[in-house]
Amino acid sequence: MKKKLVAMLVAFMLVFSLAACGKKSKSDVVGSLSNQMEKMSGYKADATLTINNGNDPQQYEVVIWHKKPSYYRVQLKNAKSDQNQIILRNKEGVFVLTPALNKSYRFQSDWPSNSSQPYLPESLVKDLVQDKDASFKSTKKGYIFETKTNYTNRQLLPTQEITFNKKGLTPQSVKLLDSDKNVVLDVKFEKVKYNAQFDKDAFDVKKNMTSARLSVPTSTNNNDSDLLVTLYPNYLMKGVTLEDQQEVKTENGVQVILSYKGNKSFTLIEEKSRISETGTTMEITGEPVDLGHTVGALADKMITWSFGGTDFTIVSKNLTQSELIQVAQSVGQTGTK
């Protein structure tokens, strides 16, 4: 009887020991993720990005390609608004393509290494490595981390919740949280394939512009509406009000100038987008910045972007870069005059 009891105890301890060995710690998982990022040659991923700023959540399809060491292709598409943009990085630089306008912009930029990107797996892993205090939880199917962010507007979105699948260690979702833990931006990965293969011209500017132009609706190609609908920012700093609104006639039509006054004063300029006949590439000063609904160009005291057939520019001596982004992101929601 005594031998039988000892045998049962040994068997129990063995099972317990094996179970303990199978449970991975945070450092184990982060180490495996880092090792995977280092060894892979690149990837292809499909994701859905949802922005919860405002009453009507906006959803975008995101297709991400990465070929080591530094080639990238990120396509953002919103079917409802016909918005379709591509961020490209190749040996010639960083480009933002807007097929509906037949325009491409070239940046002298370190994107995407200069800040985190919620749809790039290696960017997420880098955030995990840098944040030694990140929380960690293991579930039946995944690993959940909550980390500090390293985004351009990290003051507005200080934390993020990142979930990786246990099988394959691929990213499952990323939730960007504001200071009240509300989910402002949500990325859900539908498909991730590491060590993917690419055509030779997969990251070529002309090839991508030509392919994307074929999917642009005819009405957008023709730009048959010259009507400019004025949009207003939904977010204003305390004490800032709209003091003046003017319409100025230019060679290309009408330009609306909105002047906001206060401690955080700024000027918002809006005009109808024009389709480029030649499709030439323009040099841009600043950094490409993801506004969620579109990609803009962020400089020291200015941010510009195009959306829904309108070009927007915000100029301010008083707004920080983070504040410029926040105001720009709010334009076109339930407007505040």
Protein backbone atom coordinates (compact mmCIF):
# COMPACT_ATOMS: atom_id res chain seq x y z
CA MET A 1 0.00 0.00 0.00
CA LYS A 2 2.85 2.30 0.91
CA LYS A 3 4.62 1.64 -2.42
CA LYS A 4 1.39 2.37 -4.29
CA LEU A 5 1.00 5.70 -2.45
CA VAL A 6 4.57 6.70 -3.27
CA ALA A 7 4.07 5.79 -6.93
CA MET A 8 0.92 7.92 -7.09
CA LEU A 9 2.74 10.84 -5.46
CA VAL A 10 5.62 10.56 -7.94
CA ALA A 11 3.19 10.45 -10.87
CA PHE A 12 1.36 13.53 -9.55
CA MET A 13 4.62 15.45 -9.14
CA LEU A 14 5.66 14.49 -12.68
CA VAL A 15 2.40 15.74 -14.17
CA PHE A 16 2.66 18.95 -12.14
CA SER A 17 6.26 19.42 -13.25
CA LEU A 18 5.38 18.93 -16.92
CA ALA A 19 2.49 21.38 -16.66
CA ALA A 20 4.75 23.95 -15.03
CA CYS A 21 7.34 23.51 -17.78
CA GLY A 22 4.69 24.10 -20.44
CA LYS A 23 3.63 27.47 -19.00
CA LYS A 24 5.60 30.26 -20.63
CA SER A 25 6.55 33.46 -18.81
CA LYS A 26 6.41 36.96 -20.25
CA SER A 27 10.15 36.93 -20.95
CA ASP A 28 9.81 33.55 -22.70
CA VAL A 29 7.10 34.86 -25.04
CA VAL A 30 8.82 38.20 -25.73
CA GLY A 31 12.06 36.32 -26.45
CA SER A 32 10.29 33.97 -28.89
CA LEU A 33 8.60 36.92 -30.62
CA SER A 34 11.90 38.81 -30.95
CA ASN A 35 13.63 35.73 -32.31
CA GLN A 36 10.86 35.22 -34.86
CA MET A 37 11.08 38.82 -36.07
CA GLU A 38 14.84 38.56 -36.42
CA LYS A 39 14.79 35.33 -38.44
CA MET A 40 11.89 36.01 -40.83
CA SER A 41 12.48 37.46 -44.31
CA GLY A 42 9.24 39.47 -44.38
CA TYR A 43 5.48 39.00 -44.33
CA LYS A 44 2.08 39.69 -45.83
CA ALA A 45 -0.86 40.58 -43.59
CA ASP A 46 -4.52 41.57 -43.94
CA ALA A 47 -6.22 43.54 -41.19
CA THR A 48 -9.29 45.62 -40.38
CA LEU A 49 -8.74 48.97 -38.70
CA THR A 50 -11.64 50.60 -36.82
CA ILE A 51 -11.56 54.18 -35.54
CA ASN A 52 -13.94 55.00 -32.69
CA ASN A 53 -13.53 58.80 -32.69
CA GLY A 54 -17.07 60.16 -32.93
CA ASN A 55 -20.51 58.61 -33.09
CA ASP A 56 -20.00 56.66 -36.31
CA PRO A 57 -17.04 54.23 -36.18
CA GLN A 58 -15.01 54.25 -39.39
CA GLN A 59 -13.65 50.95 -40.72
CA TYR A 60 -10.73 50.44 -43.11
CA GLU A 61 -9.17 47.48 -44.82
CA VAL A 62 -5.40 47.37 -44.40
CA VAL A 63 -3.04 45.24 -46.51
CA ILE A 64 0.54 45.16 -45.21
CA TRP A 65 3.64 43.88 -47.02
CA HIS A 66 7.17 43.92 -45.65
CA LYS A 67 10.35 42.63 -47.24
CA LYS A 68 13.54 42.86 -45.25
CA PRO A 69 15.44 44.90 -44.63
CA SER A 70 13.42 48.04 -45.33
CA TYR A 71 10.78 47.60 -48.06
CA TYR A 72 7.17 48.29 -47.06
CA ARG A 73 3.78 48.56 -48.70
CA VAL A 74 0.73 49.53 -46.61
CA GLN A 75 -2.62 50.02 -48.36
CA LEU A 76 -5.53 51.60 -46.50
CA LYS A 77 -8.97 51.42 -48.09
CA ASN A 78 -12.42 52.59 -47.01
CA ALA A 79 -15.12 51.24 -49.33
CA LYS A 80 -17.73 53.76 -48.16
CA SER A 81 -15.68 56.86 -48.96
CA ASP A 82 -13.67 55.46 -51.92
CA GLN A 83 -10.60 56.45 -49.91
CA ASN A 84 -7.60 54.43 -51.01
CA GLN A 85 -4.00 55.26 -50.14
CA ILE A 86 -0.72 53.39 -50.23
CA ILE A 87 2.42 54.02 -48.18
CA LEU A 88 5.51 52.68 -49.93
CA ARG A 89 9.09 52.44 -48.79
CA ASN A 90 11.75 51.27 -51.23
CA LYS A 91 15.38 52.14 -52.02
CA GLU A 92 14.26 55.52 -53.44
CA GLY A 93 12.54 56.73 -50.28
CA VAL A 94 9.13 56.88 -48.61
CA PHE A 95 6.08 57.58 -50.78
CA VAL A 96 2.39 58.18 -50.15
CA LEU A 97 0.19 57.37 -53.16
CA THR A 98 -3.33 58.75 -53.58
CA PRO A 99 -4.68 56.92 -56.65
CA ALA A 100 -7.98 58.85 -56.85
CA LEU A 101 -5.98 62.05 -57.45
CA ASN A 102 -3.20 60.38 -59.47
CA LYS A 103 -0.74 61.95 -57.03
CA SER A 104 2.26 60.60 -55.15
CA TYR A 105 4.30 62.35 -52.50
CA ARG A 106 7.89 61.57 -51.59
CA PHE A 107 9.20 62.05 -48.05
CA GLN A 108 12.78 62.15 -46.82
CA SER A 109 11.82 60.11 -43.80
CA ASP A 110 12.84 57.22 -41.55
CA TRP A 111 9.28 55.87 -41.57
CA PRO A 112 8.30 53.46 -40.09
CA SER A 113 11.23 53.23 -37.65
CA ASN A 114 10.73 56.76 -36.30
CA SER A 115 7.54 55.78 -34.41
CA SER A 116 5.36 52.76 -33.72
CA GLN A 117 2.77 51.54 -36.21
CA PRO A 118 -0.17 49.44 -34.89
CA TYR A 119 -0.38 47.28 -38.02
CA LEU A 120 3.32 46.30 -38.27
CA PRO A 121 4.17 43.12 -36.29
CA GLU A 122 7.84 44.05 -35.78
CA SER A 123 6.79 47.48 -34.45
CA LEU A 124 4.53 45.81 -31.87
CA VAL A 125 7.30 43.46 -30.73
CA LYS A 126 9.70 46.40 -30.44
CA ASP A 127 7.23 48.13 -28.09
CA LEU A 128 7.09 44.98 -25.94
CA VAL A 129 10.87 44.79 -25.70
CA GLN A 130 11.19 48.48 -24.76
CA ASP A 131 8.50 48.41 -22.06
CA LYS A 132 9.93 46.32 -19.24
CA ASP A 133 6.81 47.01 -17.14
CA ALA A 134 4.33 45.72 -19.72
CA SER A 135 1.60 43.54 -18.22
CA PHE A 136 1.20 39.97 -19.44
CA LYS A 137 -1.63 37.44 -19.43
CA SER A 138 -1.83 33.99 -21.00
CA THR A 139 -5.22 32.73 -22.20
CA LYS A 140 -6.25 29.46 -23.84
CA LYS A 141 -5.51 30.72 -27.35
CA GLY A 142 -3.33 33.79 -26.96
CA TYR A 143 -0.92 36.05 -25.08
CA ILE A 144 -2.18 39.48 -24.06
CA PHE A 145 0.16 42.40 -23.31
CA GLU A 146 -0.60 45.95 -22.21
CA THR A 147 2.28 48.30 -22.99
CA LYS A 148 3.20 51.93 -23.29
CA THR A 149 2.96 53.33 -26.81
CA ASN A 150 5.53 55.06 -28.95
CA TYR A 151 3.17 56.74 -31.43
CA THR A 152 3.48 60.33 -32.64
CA ASN A 153 0.37 61.18 -30.60
CA ARG A 154 1.26 58.97 -27.61
CA GLN A 155 0.09 61.67 -25.20
CA LEU A 156 -3.46 61.03 -26.43
CA LEU A 157 -3.09 57.26 -26.70
CA PRO A 158 -0.68 56.30 -23.90
CA THR A 159 -1.32 52.54 -23.78
CA GLN A 160 -2.11 49.66 -26.10
CA GLU A 161 -3.38 46.12 -25.66
CA ILE A 162 -1.66 43.65 -27.99
CA THR A 163 -2.80 40.04 -28.41
CA PHE A 164 -0.72 37.37 -30.13
CA ASN A 165 -1.96 33.94 -31.18
CA LYS A 166 -0.28 31.08 -29.35
CA LYS A 167 -0.17 29.14 -32.60
CA GLY A 168 2.50 30.73 -34.79
CA LEU A 169 2.90 33.79 -32.52
CA THR A 170 1.17 35.98 -35.10
CA PRO A 171 -0.56 39.22 -34.02
CA GLN A 172 -4.29 38.84 -33.44
CA SER A 173 -5.38 42.34 -32.40
CA VAL A 174 -4.14 45.74 -31.24
CA LYS A 175 -6.25 48.18 -29.23
CA LEU A 176 -5.04 51.75 -28.71
CA LEU A 177 -6.43 53.18 -25.47
CA ASP A 178 -6.87 56.76 -24.29
CA SER A 179 -6.18 57.85 -20.71
CA ASP A 180 -9.66 56.63 -19.68
CA LYS A 181 -9.00 53.18 -21.19
CA ASN A 182 -11.46 53.74 -24.03
CA VAL A 183 -10.58 51.93 -27.27
CA VAL A 184 -9.92 54.69 -29.83
CA LEU A 185 -8.35 52.54 -32.54
CA ASP A 186 -8.78 48.79 -33.01
CA VAL A 187 -6.75 46.63 -35.41
CA LYS A 188 -7.85 43.05 -36.05
CA PHE A 189 -5.54 40.82 -38.09
CA GLU A 190 -7.38 38.38 -40.34
CA LYS A 191 -4.34 36.79 -41.95
CA VAL A 192 -0.59 36.93 -41.36
CA LYS A 193 1.94 35.00 -43.45
CA TYR A 194 5.59 35.16 -42.46
CA ASN A 195 8.42 34.59 -44.98
CA ALA A 196 6.12 35.54 -47.86
CA GLN A 197 7.34 35.83 -51.45
CA PHE A 198 7.11 39.04 -53.53
CA ASP A 199 7.27 39.96 -57.21
CA LYS A 200 10.27 42.06 -58.28
CA ASP A 201 8.11 45.17 -58.78
CA ALA A 202 5.92 44.69 -55.68
CA PHE A 203 7.28 47.91 -54.12
CA ASP A 204 7.58 49.96 -57.31
CA VAL A 205 5.80 53.34 -57.23
CA LYS A 206 4.57 53.35 -60.86
CA LYS A 207 3.38 49.74 -60.73
CA ASN A 208 1.39 50.34 -57.55
CA MET A 209 -0.12 53.59 -58.80
CA THR A 210 -1.21 52.00 -62.09
CA SER A 211 -2.76 48.99 -60.36
CA ALA A 212 -4.54 51.11 -57.76
CA ARG A 213 -5.88 53.54 -60.38
CA LEU A 214 -7.72 50.70 -62.12
CA SER A 215 -9.84 50.18 -59.00
CA VAL A 216 -10.74 53.88 -58.56
CA PRO A 217 -14.44 54.53 -59.34
CA THR A 218 -15.13 56.42 -62.59
CA SER A 219 -16.86 59.28 -60.77
CA THR A 220 -13.75 59.84 -58.66
CA ASN A 221 -11.49 59.63 -61.71
CA ASN A 222 -13.52 62.28 -63.51
CA ASN A 223 -13.79 64.50 -60.43
CA ASP A 224 -17.18 65.58 -61.76
CA SER A 225 -18.22 67.51 -58.67
CA ASP A 226 -16.64 70.90 -57.99
CA LEU A 227 -18.80 71.52 -54.93
CA LEU A 228 -16.73 72.18 -51.80
CA VAL A 229 -18.45 71.19 -48.58
CA THR A 230 -16.84 72.93 -45.62
CA LEU A 231 -15.92 70.60 -42.77
CA TYR A 232 -15.18 71.61 -39.19
CA PRO A 233 -13.03 70.08 -36.44
CA ASN A 234 -14.94 68.33 -33.68
CA TYR A 235 -12.06 68.72 -31.24
CA LEU A 236 -10.99 72.15 -29.98
CA MET A 237 -8.76 73.03 -27.03
CA LYS A 238 -10.34 74.89 -24.13
CA GLY A 239 -11.08 78.52 -24.96
CA VAL A 240 -10.58 78.11 -28.72
CA THR A 241 -13.42 79.38 -30.94
CA LEU A 242 -14.05 79.98 -34.64
CA GLU A 243 -13.53 83.72 -35.12
CA ASP A 244 -13.65 84.09 -38.88
CA GLN A 245 -14.62 82.14 -42.03
CA GLN A 246 -13.77 83.40 -45.50
CA GLU A 247 -14.17 82.12 -49.05
CA VAL A 248 -11.40 83.12 -51.42
CA LYS A 249 -11.56 82.55 -55.18
CA THR A 250 -8.41 81.04 -56.69
CA GLU A 251 -7.36 79.70 -60.09
CA ASN A 252 -8.56 76.25 -59.03
CA GLY A 253 -11.89 77.31 -57.56
CA VAL A 254 -12.82 78.29 -54.02
CA GLN A 255 -10.64 78.14 -50.93
CA VAL A 256 -12.26 78.25 -47.48
CA ILE A 257 -10.16 79.72 -44.66
CA LEU A 258 -11.28 79.07 -41.07
CA SER A 259 -9.54 81.11 -38.34
CA TYR A 260 -9.70 79.74 -34.78
CA LYS A 261 -8.57 82.01 -31.95
CA GLY A 262 -7.46 81.39 -28.37
CA ASN A 263 -4.33 80.14 -26.57
CA LYS A 264 -4.21 77.24 -29.03
CA SER A 265 -5.13 79.18 -32.17
CA PHE A 266 -4.83 77.74 -35.67
CA THR A 267 -5.95 78.25 -39.27
CA LEU A 268 -7.70 75.52 -41.27
CA ILE A 269 -7.63 75.84 -45.08
CA GLU A 270 -9.85 73.70 -47.32
CA GLU A 271 -10.04 73.46 -51.11
CA LYS A 272 -11.24 71.00 -53.71
CA SER A 273 -8.69 68.34 -54.63
CA ARG A 274 -7.52 68.33 -58.23
CA ILE A 275 -6.54 65.25 -60.19
CA SER A 276 -3.01 65.37 -61.55
CA GLU A 277 -2.86 64.99 -65.35
CA THR A 278 0.77 63.89 -65.38
CA GLY A 279 0.88 61.80 -62.21
CA THR A 280 4.17 63.35 -61.13
CA THR A 281 5.72 62.79 -57.72
CA MET A 282 5.97 65.79 -55.41
CA GLU A 283 8.60 66.27 -52.71
CA ILE A 284 7.14 66.83 -49.24
CA THR A 285 8.76 68.37 -46.19
CA GLY A 286 7.78 66.54 -43.04
CA GLU A 287 6.85 63.04 -41.97
CA PRO A 288 4.02 60.79 -43.15
CA VAL A 289 1.54 60.38 -40.30
CA ASP A 290 -1.35 57.96 -40.05
CA LEU A 291 -4.53 59.91 -39.22
CA GLY A 292 -6.56 56.72 -39.21
CA HIS A 293 -8.88 57.72 -42.05
CA THR A 294 -6.03 58.91 -44.26
CA VAL A 295 -2.29 59.58 -44.35
CA GLY A 296 -1.11 63.15 -43.85
CA ALA A 297 2.16 65.07 -43.92
CA LEU A 298 3.25 66.42 -40.53
CA ALA A 299 5.76 69.27 -40.28
CA ASP A 300 6.83 71.42 -37.33
CA LYS A 301 3.92 73.87 -37.39
CA MET A 302 1.70 72.40 -40.08
CA ILE A 303 -0.18 69.29 -41.14
CA THR A 304 -1.72 68.60 -44.57
CA TRP A 305 -3.88 65.79 -45.91
CA SER A 306 -6.48 64.90 -48.55
CA PHE A 307 -9.77 63.14 -47.89
CA GLY A 308 -13.09 62.76 -49.67
CA GLY A 309 -12.08 65.01 -52.58
CA THR A 310 -10.84 67.87 -50.38
CA ASP A 311 -7.32 69.08 -49.51
CA PHE A 312 -6.84 70.24 -45.92
CA THR A 313 -4.07 72.26 -44.27
CA ILE A 314 -3.79 73.26 -40.62
CA VAL A 315 -1.21 75.90 -39.73
CA SER A 316 -0.44 76.92 -36.14
CA LYS A 317 2.34 78.46 -34.07
CA ASN A 318 0.71 77.26 -30.84
CA LEU A 319 -0.28 73.64 -31.43
CA THR A 320 2.14 70.82 -30.68
CA GLN A 321 2.54 68.04 -33.25
CA SER A 322 0.34 65.81 -31.12
CA GLU A 323 -2.34 68.52 -31.00
CA LEU A 324 -2.11 69.08 -34.77
CA ILE A 325 -2.82 65.37 -35.26
CA GLN A 326 -5.72 65.41 -32.81
CA VAL A 327 -7.42 68.36 -34.50
CA ALA A 328 -6.82 66.90 -37.97
CA GLN A 329 -8.30 63.55 -36.96
CA SER A 330 -11.49 65.28 -35.79
CA VAL A 331 -12.17 67.23 -39.01
CA GLY A 332 -15.21 65.89 -40.79
CA GLN A 333 -16.93 64.42 -37.77
CA THR A 334 -19.91 66.13 -36.15
CA GLY A 335 -18.49 69.59 -36.73
CA THR A 336 -17.95 72.30 -34.15
CA LYS A 337 -18.06 75.78 -35.62
